Amino acid sequence: MGYIFAILSALCFSITNIVLKKGMKHSEHNGVWIITFINTLVLGVFFFISLFLFEVSLNLHLLGLIFFIFCGLLINVVGRGLLYMGIRQIGSSKAVAIKKSGSCYNIFSLLLSSLTNK
């Protein structure tokens, strides 16, 4: 069953980027704000429903919450905006490959910082 979900996930992920590229031919703007709003709304509803259903107590630190919100906005608005601009400029396959390689830079900076802190 897991293999089927993995294949369906990969298929939907690739179809999303192809359809996004085709949709950009008919629109002047990228639609980052509306997609970010819809994602926030849907995920927020699921989050609050799960809080009430599972009765989880949250112990949040204010500074951590502020950083979390700032990083979420930065990733959703700047990251997605740059991805859409890249899809429009260089194509979906190259832009998505560049975006997904961001984890490699994170690991490299983690290793570099751990070596310099010793």
N, C-alpha and C. Protein backbone atom coordinates (compact mmCIF):
# COMPACT_ATOMS: atom_id res chain seq x y z
N MET A 1 0.82 -1.19 0.00
CA MET A 1 0.00 0.00 0.00
C MET A 1 0.87 1.26 0.00
N GLY A 2 2.00 1.18 0.71
CA GLY A 2 2.90 2.33 0.76
C GLY A 2 3.49 2.67 -0.59
N TYR A 3 3.75 1.63 -1.40
CA TYR A 3 4.29 1.86 -2.74
C TYR A 3 3.29 2.60 -3.62
N ILE A 4 2.04 2.27 -3.48
CA ILE A 4 1.00 2.94 -4.27
C ILE A 4 0.92 4.40 -3.88
N PHE A 5 0.95 4.69 -2.58
CA PHE A 5 0.91 6.09 -2.14
C PHE A 5 2.15 6.85 -2.58
N ALA A 6 3.31 6.21 -2.57
CA ALA A 6 4.53 6.87 -3.02
C ALA A 6 4.46 7.21 -4.50
N ILE A 7 3.97 6.28 -5.31
CA ILE A 7 3.84 6.53 -6.74
C ILE A 7 2.81 7.61 -7.01
N LEU A 8 1.68 7.56 -6.32
CA LEU A 8 0.65 8.59 -6.50
C LEU A 8 1.14 9.96 -6.05
N SER A 9 1.92 9.99 -4.98
CA SER A 9 2.47 11.26 -4.51
C SER A 9 3.43 11.85 -5.52
N ALA A 10 4.32 11.03 -6.06
CA ALA A 10 5.26 11.50 -7.08
C ALA A 10 4.53 11.95 -8.33
N LEU A 11 3.50 11.22 -8.72
CA LEU A 11 2.73 11.57 -9.90
C LEU A 11 2.01 12.91 -9.72
N CYS A 12 1.38 13.08 -8.56
CA CYS A 12 0.68 14.35 -8.29
C CYS A 12 1.65 15.52 -8.18
N PHE A 13 2.81 15.28 -7.59
CA PHE A 13 3.81 16.33 -7.47
C PHE A 13 4.27 16.80 -8.83
N SER A 14 4.54 15.85 -9.73
CA SER A 14 5.02 16.24 -11.07
C SER A 14 3.90 16.86 -11.89
N ILE A 15 2.69 16.36 -11.77
CA ILE A 15 1.56 16.93 -12.51
C ILE A 15 1.30 18.36 -12.05
N THR A 16 1.45 18.61 -10.77
CA THR A 16 1.24 19.97 -10.24
C THR A 16 2.15 20.97 -10.91
N ASN A 17 3.42 20.64 -11.04
CA ASN A 17 4.37 21.57 -11.64
C ASN A 17 4.13 21.76 -13.14
N ILE A 18 3.72 20.69 -13.81
CA ILE A 18 3.42 20.81 -15.24
C ILE A 18 2.18 21.65 -15.46
N VAL A 19 1.14 21.41 -14.69
CA VAL A 19 -0.09 22.20 -14.81
C VAL A 19 0.16 23.65 -14.43
N LEU A 20 1.00 23.87 -13.44
CA LEU A 20 1.36 25.22 -13.03
C LEU A 20 2.02 25.97 -14.17
N LYS A 21 2.94 25.32 -14.86
CA LYS A 21 3.63 25.94 -16.00
C LYS A 21 2.63 26.27 -17.12
N LYS A 22 1.71 25.36 -17.40
CA LYS A 22 0.71 25.61 -18.44
C LYS A 22 -0.23 26.73 -18.03
N GLY A 23 -0.58 26.81 -16.76
CA GLY A 23 -1.46 27.87 -16.28
C GLY A 23 -0.82 29.23 -16.31
N MET A 24 0.50 29.28 -16.21
CA MET A 24 1.21 30.56 -16.22
C MET A 24 1.17 31.23 -17.59
N LYS A 25 0.89 30.46 -18.64
CA LYS A 25 0.79 31.04 -19.97
C LYS A 25 -0.42 31.95 -20.10
N HIS A 26 -1.43 31.73 -19.26
CA HIS A 26 -2.68 32.48 -19.35
C HIS A 26 -2.81 33.56 -18.30
N SER A 27 -1.80 33.73 -17.44
CA SER A 27 -1.91 34.68 -16.34
C SER A 27 -0.67 35.56 -16.27
N GLU A 28 -0.88 36.79 -15.89
CA GLU A 28 0.24 37.73 -15.73
C GLU A 28 0.95 37.55 -14.39
N HIS A 29 0.20 37.28 -13.34
CA HIS A 29 0.80 37.14 -12.01
C HIS A 29 0.87 35.67 -11.62
N ASN A 30 1.66 35.40 -10.61
CA ASN A 30 1.91 34.00 -10.22
C ASN A 30 0.88 33.43 -9.26
N GLY A 31 0.14 34.25 -8.56
CA GLY A 31 -0.87 33.74 -7.65
C GLY A 31 -0.32 33.27 -6.32
N VAL A 32 0.83 33.81 -5.90
CA VAL A 32 1.45 33.37 -4.66
C VAL A 32 0.57 33.69 -3.46
N TRP A 33 -0.03 34.85 -3.43
CA TRP A 33 -0.81 35.27 -2.27
C TRP A 33 -2.04 34.40 -2.08
N ILE A 34 -2.74 34.12 -3.17
CA ILE A 34 -3.97 33.33 -3.03
C ILE A 34 -3.65 31.89 -2.63
N ILE A 35 -2.58 31.32 -3.17
CA ILE A 35 -2.21 29.95 -2.81
C ILE A 35 -1.75 29.88 -1.36
N THR A 36 -0.97 30.87 -0.94
CA THR A 36 -0.52 30.90 0.45
C THR A 36 -1.71 31.05 1.40
N PHE A 37 -2.67 31.88 1.04
CA PHE A 37 -3.86 32.07 1.87
C PHE A 37 -4.67 30.78 1.97
N ILE A 38 -4.87 30.11 0.85
CA ILE A 38 -5.65 28.87 0.86
C ILE A 38 -4.93 27.80 1.67
N ASN A 39 -3.61 27.66 1.50
CA ASN A 39 -2.84 26.69 2.29
C ASN A 39 -2.94 26.97 3.78
N THR A 40 -2.79 28.24 4.15
CA THR A 40 -2.86 28.62 5.55
C THR A 40 -4.25 28.34 6.12
N LEU A 41 -5.27 28.65 5.35
CA LEU A 41 -6.64 28.43 5.81
C LEU A 41 -6.93 26.95 6.00
N VAL A 42 -6.61 26.14 5.01
CA VAL A 42 -6.91 24.70 5.09
C VAL A 42 -6.10 24.04 6.20
N LEU A 43 -4.79 24.30 6.24
CA LEU A 43 -3.95 23.67 7.27
C LEU A 43 -4.30 24.19 8.66
N GLY A 44 -4.69 25.46 8.76
CA GLY A 44 -5.11 26.00 10.05
C GLY A 44 -6.38 25.34 10.56
N VAL A 45 -7.32 25.09 9.67
CA VAL A 45 -8.56 24.41 10.07
C VAL A 45 -8.25 23.00 10.56
N PHE A 46 -7.41 22.26 9.81
CA PHE A 46 -7.03 20.92 10.25
C PHE A 46 -6.28 20.95 11.58
N PHE A 47 -5.43 21.95 11.78
CA PHE A 47 -4.68 22.06 13.02
C PHE A 47 -5.62 22.29 14.21
N PHE A 48 -6.55 23.24 14.07
CA PHE A 48 -7.44 23.52 15.20
C PHE A 48 -8.43 22.39 15.45
N ILE A 49 -8.86 21.71 14.41
CA ILE A 49 -9.73 20.55 14.61
C ILE A 49 -8.97 19.45 15.36
N SER A 50 -7.71 19.22 14.97
CA SER A 50 -6.93 18.19 15.66
C SER A 50 -6.63 18.58 17.10
N LEU A 51 -6.48 19.87 17.38
CA LEU A 51 -6.28 20.29 18.77
C LEU A 51 -7.48 19.96 19.64
N PHE A 52 -8.68 20.18 19.10
CA PHE A 52 -9.88 19.90 19.89
C PHE A 52 -10.20 18.42 19.96
N LEU A 53 -9.90 17.67 18.90
CA LEU A 53 -10.22 16.24 18.91
C LEU A 53 -9.28 15.45 19.81
N PHE A 54 -8.00 15.77 19.79
CA PHE A 54 -7.03 14.99 20.53
C PHE A 54 -6.66 15.60 21.87
N GLU A 55 -7.17 16.78 22.19
CA GLU A 55 -6.97 17.45 23.46
C GLU A 55 -5.49 17.51 23.86
N VAL A 56 -4.70 18.08 22.97
CA VAL A 56 -3.27 18.21 23.20
C VAL A 56 -3.00 19.56 23.85
N SER A 57 -2.25 19.55 24.94
CA SER A 57 -1.88 20.82 25.56
C SER A 57 -0.59 21.32 24.92
N LEU A 58 -0.58 22.57 24.55
CA LEU A 58 0.58 23.16 23.91
C LEU A 58 1.35 24.02 24.89
N ASN A 59 2.65 23.83 24.92
CA ASN A 59 3.53 24.63 25.75
C ASN A 59 4.44 25.40 24.79
N LEU A 60 4.02 26.61 24.41
CA LEU A 60 4.73 27.37 23.40
C LEU A 60 5.53 28.51 24.02
N HIS A 61 6.71 28.72 23.48
CA HIS A 61 7.55 29.84 23.87
C HIS A 61 7.30 30.97 22.88
N LEU A 62 7.13 32.18 23.35
CA LEU A 62 6.74 33.29 22.49
C LEU A 62 7.79 33.58 21.43
N LEU A 63 9.05 33.60 21.78
CA LEU A 63 10.11 33.87 20.80
C LEU A 63 10.17 32.78 19.73
N GLY A 64 10.01 31.53 20.14
CA GLY A 64 9.99 30.43 19.18
C GLY A 64 8.80 30.52 18.24
N LEU A 65 7.66 30.92 18.77
CA LEU A 65 6.46 31.09 17.95
C LEU A 65 6.64 32.22 16.94
N ILE A 66 7.28 33.30 17.35
CA ILE A 66 7.53 34.43 16.44
C ILE A 66 8.48 34.01 15.33
N PHE A 67 9.55 33.28 15.68
CA PHE A 67 10.48 32.78 14.65
C PHE A 67 9.78 31.81 13.70
N PHE A 68 8.92 30.96 14.24
CA PHE A 68 8.20 29.98 13.43
C PHE A 68 7.28 30.69 12.43
N ILE A 69 6.56 31.70 12.88
CA ILE A 69 5.67 32.45 11.99
C ILE A 69 6.48 33.21 10.94
N PHE A 70 7.58 33.83 11.35
CA PHE A 70 8.43 34.56 10.41
C PHE A 70 8.99 33.63 9.34
N CYS A 71 9.51 32.48 9.75
CA CYS A 71 10.07 31.54 8.77
C CYS A 71 8.99 30.97 7.86
N GLY A 72 7.82 30.72 8.40
CA GLY A 72 6.72 30.23 7.56
C GLY A 72 6.32 31.24 6.51
N LEU A 73 6.23 32.51 6.90
CA LEU A 73 5.92 33.55 5.91
C LEU A 73 7.03 33.69 4.89
N LEU A 74 8.27 33.63 5.36
CA LEU A 74 9.41 33.75 4.45
C LEU A 74 9.43 32.62 3.43
N ILE A 75 9.21 31.41 3.88
CA ILE A 75 9.22 30.27 2.96
C ILE A 75 8.05 30.33 2.00
N ASN A 76 6.86 30.61 2.51
CA ASN A 76 5.67 30.60 1.66
C ASN A 76 5.66 31.75 0.66
N VAL A 77 6.02 32.93 1.09
CA VAL A 77 5.91 34.09 0.20
C VAL A 77 7.15 34.23 -0.67
N VAL A 78 8.33 34.26 -0.07
CA VAL A 78 9.55 34.47 -0.84
C VAL A 78 9.92 33.20 -1.60
N GLY A 79 9.94 32.07 -0.92
CA GLY A 79 10.34 30.82 -1.56
C GLY A 79 9.41 30.41 -2.68
N ARG A 80 8.13 30.46 -2.42
CA ARG A 80 7.17 30.08 -3.47
C ARG A 80 7.15 31.11 -4.59
N GLY A 81 7.30 32.38 -4.26
CA GLY A 81 7.35 33.40 -5.29
C GLY A 81 8.55 33.22 -6.21
N LEU A 82 9.71 32.91 -5.61
CA LEU A 82 10.89 32.65 -6.43
C LEU A 82 10.75 31.37 -7.24
N LEU A 83 10.10 30.35 -6.68
CA LEU A 83 9.86 29.13 -7.44
C LEU A 83 8.99 29.41 -8.65
N TYR A 84 7.92 30.14 -8.46
CA TYR A 84 7.02 30.44 -9.58
C TYR A 84 7.71 31.31 -10.61
N MET A 85 8.52 32.24 -10.16
CA MET A 85 9.27 33.07 -11.10
C MET A 85 10.27 32.20 -11.87
N GLY A 86 10.89 31.25 -11.19
CA GLY A 86 11.81 30.34 -11.85
C GLY A 86 11.11 29.44 -12.85
N ILE A 87 9.92 28.96 -12.49
CA ILE A 87 9.15 28.13 -13.42
C ILE A 87 8.81 28.94 -14.67
N ARG A 88 8.47 30.19 -14.47
CA ARG A 88 8.14 31.04 -15.62
C ARG A 88 9.37 31.32 -16.48
N GLN A 89 10.53 31.48 -15.85
CA GLN A 89 11.75 31.87 -16.59
C GLN A 89 12.49 30.67 -17.20
N ILE A 90 12.74 29.61 -16.40
CA ILE A 90 13.61 28.52 -16.88
C ILE A 90 12.90 27.19 -17.02
N GLY A 91 11.63 27.11 -16.68
CA GLY A 91 10.90 25.85 -16.81
C GLY A 91 10.72 25.15 -15.48
N SER A 92 9.73 24.27 -15.44
CA SER A 92 9.38 23.64 -14.16
C SER A 92 10.41 22.62 -13.71
N SER A 93 10.98 21.84 -14.61
CA SER A 93 11.91 20.80 -14.17
C SER A 93 13.18 21.39 -13.56
N LYS A 94 13.71 22.43 -14.17
CA LYS A 94 14.93 23.05 -13.63
C LYS A 94 14.64 23.81 -12.34
N ALA A 95 13.55 24.55 -12.30
CA ALA A 95 13.23 25.36 -11.11
C ALA A 95 12.95 24.48 -9.90
N VAL A 96 12.21 23.40 -10.10
CA VAL A 96 11.91 22.51 -8.97
C VAL A 96 13.17 21.79 -8.51
N ALA A 97 14.04 21.41 -9.44
CA ALA A 97 15.30 20.77 -9.05
C ALA A 97 16.16 21.71 -8.22
N ILE A 98 16.21 22.98 -8.60
CA ILE A 98 16.97 23.96 -7.83
C ILE A 98 16.36 24.15 -6.45
N LYS A 99 15.04 24.23 -6.38
CA LYS A 99 14.37 24.43 -5.09
C LYS A 99 14.59 23.23 -4.17
N LYS A 100 14.50 22.04 -4.72
CA LYS A 100 14.67 20.83 -3.90
C LYS A 100 16.11 20.61 -3.47
N SER A 101 17.06 21.26 -4.14
CA SER A 101 18.45 21.11 -3.72
C SER A 101 18.78 21.99 -2.52
N GLY A 102 17.84 22.75 -2.04
CA GLY A 102 18.06 23.59 -0.87
C GLY A 102 18.44 22.81 0.37
N SER A 103 17.96 21.57 0.48
CA SER A 103 18.30 20.74 1.63
C SER A 103 19.79 20.42 1.66
N CYS A 104 20.39 20.28 0.49
CA CYS A 104 21.84 20.02 0.43
C CYS A 104 22.61 21.20 1.00
N TYR A 105 22.18 22.42 0.69
CA TYR A 105 22.85 23.60 1.24
C TYR A 105 22.66 23.69 2.75
N ASN A 106 21.49 23.28 3.24
CA ASN A 106 21.26 23.28 4.68
C ASN A 106 22.19 22.31 5.39
N ILE A 107 22.33 21.12 4.83
CA ILE A 107 23.22 20.13 5.43
C ILE A 107 24.66 20.61 5.39
N PHE A 108 25.07 21.20 4.27
CA PHE A 108 26.43 21.72 4.15
C PHE A 108 26.70 22.81 5.19
N SER A 109 25.75 23.74 5.37
CA SER A 109 25.94 24.80 6.36
C SER A 109 25.94 24.25 7.78
N LEU A 110 25.15 23.21 8.03
CA LEU A 110 25.14 22.57 9.34
C LEU A 110 26.50 21.93 9.64
N LEU A 111 27.04 21.21 8.66
CA LEU A 111 28.34 20.58 8.86
C LEU A 111 29.44 21.62 9.02
N LEU A 112 29.36 22.68 8.23
CA LEU A 112 30.36 23.75 8.32
C LEU A 112 30.31 24.45 9.67
N SER A 113 29.10 24.72 10.16
CA SER A 113 28.98 25.40 11.46
C SER A 113 29.40 24.49 12.60
N SER A 114 29.13 23.18 12.48
CA SER A 114 29.55 22.28 13.55
C SER A 114 31.06 22.12 13.59
N LEU A 115 31.71 22.22 12.43
CA LEU A 115 33.18 22.12 12.41
C LEU A 115 33.83 23.38 12.94
N THR A 116 33.22 24.54 12.71
CA THR A 116 33.81 25.81 13.17
C THR A 116 33.54 26.06 14.64
N ASN A 117 32.56 25.43 15.22
CA ASN A 117 32.23 25.66 16.64
C ASN A 117 33.06 24.82 17.59
N LYS A 118 33.89 23.92 17.08
CA LYS A 118 34.69 23.06 17.96
C LYS A 118 35.92 23.74 18.45
